[in-house]
């Protein structure tokens, strides 16, 4: 096998390994109340959401309100907004969220 062919094979092998290490949507799971209750998530849009026990919600951009888990996702109601977010927890512990009907997507992690 020539050096050029070995380089191509090496690149293909590296690409295969990288693709295997990326999380697939199939390995993500819908968040549960236990994933959120009492936690603060920092989102990539600059907001931070606090999902307090008992359903109290606070976000530096959308204000104060309530949250709950529904069959459609996480329902958030504040003075400014009322929406449902489909939030998934990835195997690495990070989150992906899509505001249903608005197409707004965010990623986040538990705040440190």
N, C-alpha and C. Protein backbone atom coordinates (compact mmCIF):
# COMPACT_ATOMS: atom_id res chain seq x y z
N UNK A 1 0.86 -1.17 0.00
CA UNK A 1 0.00 0.00 0.00
C UNK A 1 0.90 1.23 0.00
N UNK A 2 0.65 2.17 -0.93
CA UNK A 2 1.47 3.36 -1.03
C UNK A 2 1.19 4.33 0.11
N UNK A 3 2.09 5.29 0.30
CA UNK A 3 1.97 6.27 1.38
C UNK A 3 0.69 7.09 1.23
N UNK A 4 0.34 7.41 -0.02
CA UNK A 4 -0.87 8.21 -0.25
C UNK A 4 -2.12 7.42 0.16
N UNK A 5 -2.17 6.14 -0.19
CA UNK A 5 -3.30 5.30 0.17
C UNK A 5 -3.38 5.12 1.68
N UNK A 6 -2.23 4.94 2.35
CA UNK A 6 -2.22 4.79 3.81
C UNK A 6 -2.76 6.06 4.47
N UNK A 7 -2.42 7.23 3.94
CA UNK A 7 -2.90 8.49 4.50
C UNK A 7 -4.41 8.57 4.39
N UNK A 8 -4.97 8.16 3.24
CA UNK A 8 -6.43 8.18 3.06
C UNK A 8 -7.11 7.22 4.04
N UNK A 9 -6.53 6.02 4.18
CA UNK A 9 -7.09 5.04 5.11
C UNK A 9 -7.03 5.58 6.53
N UNK A 10 -5.92 6.23 6.89
CA UNK A 10 -5.79 6.80 8.24
C UNK A 10 -6.84 7.89 8.47
N UNK A 11 -7.07 8.73 7.48
CA UNK A 11 -8.07 9.79 7.62
C UNK A 11 -9.46 9.21 7.75
N UNK A 12 -9.76 8.17 6.97
CA UNK A 12 -11.07 7.53 7.09
C UNK A 12 -11.25 6.90 8.46
N UNK A 13 -10.21 6.27 8.97
CA UNK A 13 -10.28 5.68 10.31
C UNK A 13 -10.51 6.73 11.38
N UNK A 14 -9.80 7.85 11.25
CA UNK A 14 -9.96 8.94 12.22
C UNK A 14 -11.38 9.50 12.16
N UNK A 15 -11.91 9.67 10.95
CA UNK A 15 -13.27 10.19 10.80
C UNK A 15 -14.28 9.24 11.42
N UNK A 16 -14.07 7.95 11.23
CA UNK A 16 -14.99 6.97 11.81
C UNK A 16 -14.96 7.02 13.34
N UNK A 17 -13.79 7.16 13.91
CA UNK A 17 -13.68 7.25 15.38
C UNK A 17 -14.35 8.50 15.91
N UNK A 18 -14.17 9.63 15.23
CA UNK A 18 -14.80 10.88 15.67
C UNK A 18 -16.32 10.74 15.60
N UNK A 19 -16.84 10.19 14.51
CA UNK A 19 -18.28 10.06 14.38
C UNK A 19 -18.86 9.14 15.45
N UNK A 20 -18.11 8.14 15.87
CA UNK A 20 -18.59 7.25 16.92
C UNK A 20 -18.62 7.94 18.28
N UNK A 21 -17.77 8.94 18.46
CA UNK A 21 -17.70 9.60 19.77
C UNK A 21 -18.72 10.72 19.93
N UNK A 22 -19.38 11.14 18.83
CA UNK A 22 -20.39 12.19 18.92
C UNK A 22 -21.70 11.60 19.42
N UNK A 23 -22.39 12.31 20.32
CA UNK A 23 -23.66 11.79 20.82
C UNK A 23 -24.71 11.81 19.72
N UNK A 24 -25.47 10.76 19.63
CA UNK A 24 -26.55 10.72 18.64
C UNK A 24 -27.85 11.09 19.34
N UNK A 25 -28.79 11.66 18.60
CA UNK A 25 -30.08 11.98 19.21
C UNK A 25 -30.74 10.76 19.84
N UNK A 26 -30.46 9.58 19.30
CA UNK A 26 -31.06 8.37 19.86
C UNK A 26 -30.55 8.07 21.26
N UNK A 27 -29.35 8.56 21.60
CA UNK A 27 -28.82 8.28 22.93
C UNK A 27 -29.22 9.34 23.95
N UNK A 28 -29.91 10.38 23.49
CA UNK A 28 -30.41 11.41 24.40
C UNK A 28 -31.73 10.94 24.99
N UNK A 29 -32.07 11.49 26.16
CA UNK A 29 -33.35 11.13 26.78
C UNK A 29 -34.05 12.40 27.27
N UNK A 30 -35.37 12.36 27.27
CA UNK A 30 -36.15 13.49 27.77
C UNK A 30 -35.81 13.73 29.23
N UNK A 31 -35.74 15.00 29.63
CA UNK A 31 -35.43 15.30 31.02
C UNK A 31 -36.56 14.85 31.93
N UNK A 32 -36.19 14.58 33.15
CA UNK A 32 -37.16 14.22 34.18
C UNK A 32 -37.18 15.34 35.21
N UNK A 33 -38.14 15.30 36.09
CA UNK A 33 -38.20 16.28 37.17
C UNK A 33 -36.93 16.20 38.02
N UNK A 34 -36.40 14.99 38.21
CA UNK A 34 -35.17 14.82 39.00
C UNK A 34 -33.97 15.49 38.34
N UNK A 35 -33.94 15.53 36.99
CA UNK A 35 -32.84 16.20 36.28
C UNK A 35 -32.84 17.70 36.50
N UNK A 36 -34.03 18.28 36.72
CA UNK A 36 -34.16 19.74 36.82
C UNK A 36 -34.39 20.26 38.23
N UNK A 37 -35.14 19.55 39.04
CA UNK A 37 -35.56 20.04 40.35
C UNK A 37 -34.37 20.40 41.25
N UNK A 38 -34.35 21.65 41.65
CA UNK A 38 -33.28 22.14 42.52
C UNK A 38 -31.99 22.46 41.78
N UNK A 39 -32.05 22.51 40.45
CA UNK A 39 -30.85 22.72 39.63
C UNK A 39 -30.91 24.05 38.88
N UNK A 40 -29.72 24.51 38.48
CA UNK A 40 -29.58 25.72 37.68
C UNK A 40 -28.85 25.33 36.40
N UNK A 41 -29.43 25.67 35.24
CA UNK A 41 -28.81 25.36 33.96
C UNK A 41 -28.39 26.66 33.28
N UNK A 42 -27.14 26.71 32.85
CA UNK A 42 -26.62 27.84 32.09
C UNK A 42 -26.71 27.50 30.61
N UNK A 43 -27.44 28.31 29.86
CA UNK A 43 -27.70 28.07 28.45
C UNK A 43 -26.73 28.87 27.59
N UNK A 44 -26.51 28.40 26.36
CA UNK A 44 -25.54 29.06 25.46
C UNK A 44 -26.03 30.42 24.94
N UNK A 45 -27.26 30.80 25.22
CA UNK A 45 -27.77 32.12 24.81
C UNK A 45 -27.56 33.18 25.89
N UNK A 46 -26.84 32.82 26.95
CA UNK A 46 -26.56 33.78 28.02
C UNK A 46 -27.55 33.75 29.16
N UNK A 47 -28.55 32.91 29.06
CA UNK A 47 -29.53 32.84 30.14
C UNK A 47 -29.19 31.72 31.12
N UNK A 48 -29.73 31.84 32.31
CA UNK A 48 -29.57 30.82 33.34
C UNK A 48 -30.94 30.55 33.94
N UNK A 49 -31.36 29.29 33.92
CA UNK A 49 -32.67 28.89 34.43
C UNK A 49 -32.51 28.14 35.74
N UNK A 50 -33.29 28.57 36.74
CA UNK A 50 -33.32 27.88 38.02
C UNK A 50 -34.67 27.17 38.13
N UNK A 51 -34.61 25.84 38.25
CA UNK A 51 -35.81 25.01 38.37
C UNK A 51 -35.92 24.58 39.83
N UNK A 52 -36.53 25.40 40.63
CA UNK A 52 -36.62 25.12 42.07
C UNK A 52 -37.57 23.98 42.36
N UNK A 53 -37.32 23.32 43.48
CA UNK A 53 -38.25 22.28 43.93
C UNK A 53 -39.60 22.94 44.18
N UNK A 54 -40.66 22.24 43.95
CA UNK A 54 -41.99 22.81 44.15
C UNK A 54 -42.50 23.58 42.94
N UNK A 55 -41.73 23.61 41.84
CA UNK A 55 -42.23 24.21 40.61
C UNK A 55 -41.94 25.68 40.39
N UNK A 56 -41.18 26.33 41.29
CA UNK A 56 -40.84 27.73 41.07
C UNK A 56 -39.72 27.81 40.03
N UNK A 57 -39.81 28.80 39.14
CA UNK A 57 -38.86 28.97 38.04
C UNK A 57 -38.33 30.40 38.04
N UNK A 58 -37.06 30.54 37.70
CA UNK A 58 -36.44 31.85 37.59
C UNK A 58 -35.44 31.83 36.44
N UNK A 59 -35.46 32.89 35.63
CA UNK A 59 -34.52 33.00 34.52
C UNK A 59 -34.14 34.47 34.37
N UNK A 60 -32.85 34.74 34.19
CA UNK A 60 -32.38 36.12 34.12
C UNK A 60 -32.92 36.87 32.89
N UNK A 61 -33.40 36.17 31.87
CA UNK A 61 -33.96 36.85 30.70
C UNK A 61 -35.49 36.85 30.67
N UNK A 62 -36.10 35.75 31.12
CA UNK A 62 -37.56 35.66 31.00
C UNK A 62 -38.31 35.93 32.30
N UNK A 63 -37.62 36.04 33.41
CA UNK A 63 -38.27 36.42 34.66
C UNK A 63 -38.62 35.27 35.58
N UNK A 64 -39.56 35.54 36.47
CA UNK A 64 -39.98 34.59 37.51
C UNK A 64 -41.28 33.92 37.09
N UNK A 65 -41.44 32.68 37.52
CA UNK A 65 -42.68 31.99 37.21
C UNK A 65 -42.68 30.57 37.74
N UNK A 66 -43.24 29.67 36.94
CA UNK A 66 -43.36 28.27 37.36
C UNK A 66 -42.89 27.35 36.23
N UNK A 67 -42.57 26.11 36.60
CA UNK A 67 -42.22 25.08 35.63
C UNK A 67 -42.86 23.77 36.04
N UNK A 68 -43.10 22.91 35.04
CA UNK A 68 -43.62 21.57 35.30
C UNK A 68 -43.29 20.67 34.12
N UNK A 69 -43.23 19.38 34.40
CA UNK A 69 -43.02 18.39 33.35
C UNK A 69 -44.40 17.98 32.83
N UNK A 70 -44.57 18.03 31.51
CA UNK A 70 -45.83 17.60 30.87
C UNK A 70 -45.50 16.52 29.85
N UNK A 71 -46.51 15.96 29.25
CA UNK A 71 -46.30 14.96 28.21
C UNK A 71 -45.59 15.53 26.99
N UNK A 72 -45.71 16.84 26.76
CA UNK A 72 -45.09 17.48 25.60
C UNK A 72 -43.68 17.99 25.88
N UNK A 73 -43.33 18.13 27.15
CA UNK A 73 -42.02 18.67 27.50
C UNK A 73 -42.07 19.42 28.81
N UNK A 74 -41.20 20.42 28.94
CA UNK A 74 -41.15 21.24 30.16
C UNK A 74 -41.96 22.51 29.91
N UNK A 75 -43.04 22.67 30.66
CA UNK A 75 -43.89 23.85 30.53
C UNK A 75 -43.35 24.93 31.46
N UNK A 76 -43.07 26.10 30.88
CA UNK A 76 -42.58 27.25 31.65
C UNK A 76 -43.57 28.39 31.48
N UNK A 77 -43.94 28.99 32.60
CA UNK A 77 -44.85 30.14 32.56
C UNK A 77 -44.23 31.26 33.40
N UNK A 78 -43.99 32.41 32.77
CA UNK A 78 -43.52 33.60 33.48
C UNK A 78 -44.42 34.76 33.10
N UNK A 79 -44.16 35.93 33.69
CA UNK A 79 -44.93 37.12 33.33
C UNK A 79 -44.76 37.46 31.85
N UNK A 80 -43.61 37.15 31.28
CA UNK A 80 -43.32 37.49 29.89
C UNK A 80 -43.65 36.37 28.90
N UNK A 81 -43.48 35.12 29.31
CA UNK A 81 -43.58 34.00 28.36
C UNK A 81 -44.36 32.83 28.94
N UNK A 82 -44.96 32.08 28.03
CA UNK A 82 -45.62 30.83 28.37
C UNK A 82 -45.28 29.87 27.22
N UNK A 83 -44.47 28.87 27.49
CA UNK A 83 -44.02 27.99 26.41
C UNK A 83 -43.73 26.59 26.93
N UNK A 84 -43.57 25.67 25.97
CA UNK A 84 -43.17 24.30 26.28
C UNK A 84 -41.85 24.07 25.56
N UNK A 85 -40.88 23.54 26.29
CA UNK A 85 -39.58 23.23 25.71
C UNK A 85 -39.35 21.73 25.73
N UNK A 86 -38.95 21.20 24.59
CA UNK A 86 -38.53 19.80 24.52
C UNK A 86 -37.06 19.79 24.93
N UNK A 87 -36.79 19.33 26.14
CA UNK A 87 -35.42 19.33 26.65
C UNK A 87 -34.94 17.89 26.77
N UNK A 88 -33.77 17.64 26.18
CA UNK A 88 -33.16 16.32 26.27
C UNK A 88 -31.86 16.40 27.03
N UNK A 89 -31.60 15.37 27.81
CA UNK A 89 -30.33 15.26 28.51
C UNK A 89 -29.45 14.29 27.73
N UNK A 90 -28.26 14.75 27.38
CA UNK A 90 -27.33 13.93 26.62
C UNK A 90 -26.49 13.07 27.55
N UNK A 91 -25.89 12.02 27.02
CA UNK A 91 -25.09 11.13 27.86
C UNK A 91 -23.95 11.83 28.62
N UNK A 92 -23.43 12.94 28.08
CA UNK A 92 -22.35 13.66 28.77
C UNK A 92 -22.87 14.59 29.86
N UNK A 93 -24.20 14.60 30.08
CA UNK A 93 -24.78 15.43 31.13
C UNK A 93 -25.22 16.81 30.66
N UNK A 94 -24.95 17.17 29.42
CA UNK A 94 -25.39 18.46 28.90
C UNK A 94 -26.84 18.34 28.43
N UNK A 95 -27.41 19.48 28.06
CA UNK A 95 -28.82 19.53 27.66
C UNK A 95 -28.98 20.17 26.30
N UNK A 96 -29.99 19.73 25.57
CA UNK A 96 -30.42 20.37 24.33
C UNK A 96 -31.89 20.72 24.51
N UNK A 97 -32.25 21.95 24.15
CA UNK A 97 -33.65 22.39 24.31
C UNK A 97 -34.14 23.02 23.02
N UNK A 98 -35.39 22.76 22.71
CA UNK A 98 -36.07 23.39 21.58
C UNK A 98 -37.39 23.91 22.09
N UNK A 99 -37.64 25.21 21.91
CA UNK A 99 -38.92 25.80 22.28
C UNK A 99 -39.93 25.38 21.21
N UNK A 100 -40.91 24.59 21.60
CA UNK A 100 -41.88 24.06 20.65
C UNK A 100 -42.70 25.19 20.05
N UNK A 101 -42.80 25.19 18.73
CA UNK A 101 -43.55 26.20 18.02
C UNK A 101 -42.75 27.44 17.66
N UNK A 102 -41.60 27.64 18.30
CA UNK A 102 -40.78 28.81 18.01
C UNK A 102 -39.49 28.43 17.29
N UNK A 103 -39.10 27.16 17.38
CA UNK A 103 -37.89 26.71 16.72
C UNK A 103 -36.61 27.24 17.34
N UNK A 104 -36.70 27.80 18.54
CA UNK A 104 -35.52 28.32 19.22
C UNK A 104 -34.78 27.15 19.86
N UNK A 105 -33.49 27.02 19.55
CA UNK A 105 -32.69 25.92 20.08
C UNK A 105 -31.59 26.45 20.96
N UNK A 106 -31.33 25.73 22.06
CA UNK A 106 -30.25 26.08 22.98
C UNK A 106 -29.58 24.83 23.49
N UNK A 107 -28.35 25.00 23.92
CA UNK A 107 -27.65 23.93 24.63
C UNK A 107 -27.23 24.49 25.97
N UNK A 108 -27.08 23.62 26.95
CA UNK A 108 -26.69 24.08 28.27
C UNK A 108 -26.09 22.98 29.12
N UNK A 109 -25.60 23.41 30.27
CA UNK A 109 -25.03 22.51 31.26
C UNK A 109 -25.42 23.02 32.63
N UNK A 110 -25.31 22.14 33.63
CA UNK A 110 -25.52 22.61 35.00
C UNK A 110 -24.50 23.70 35.27
N UNK A 111 -24.95 24.80 35.87
CA UNK A 111 -24.04 25.91 36.19
C UNK A 111 -23.08 25.47 37.29
N UNK A 112 -21.91 25.97 37.22
CA UNK A 112 -20.89 25.65 38.24
C UNK A 112 -20.94 26.67 39.34
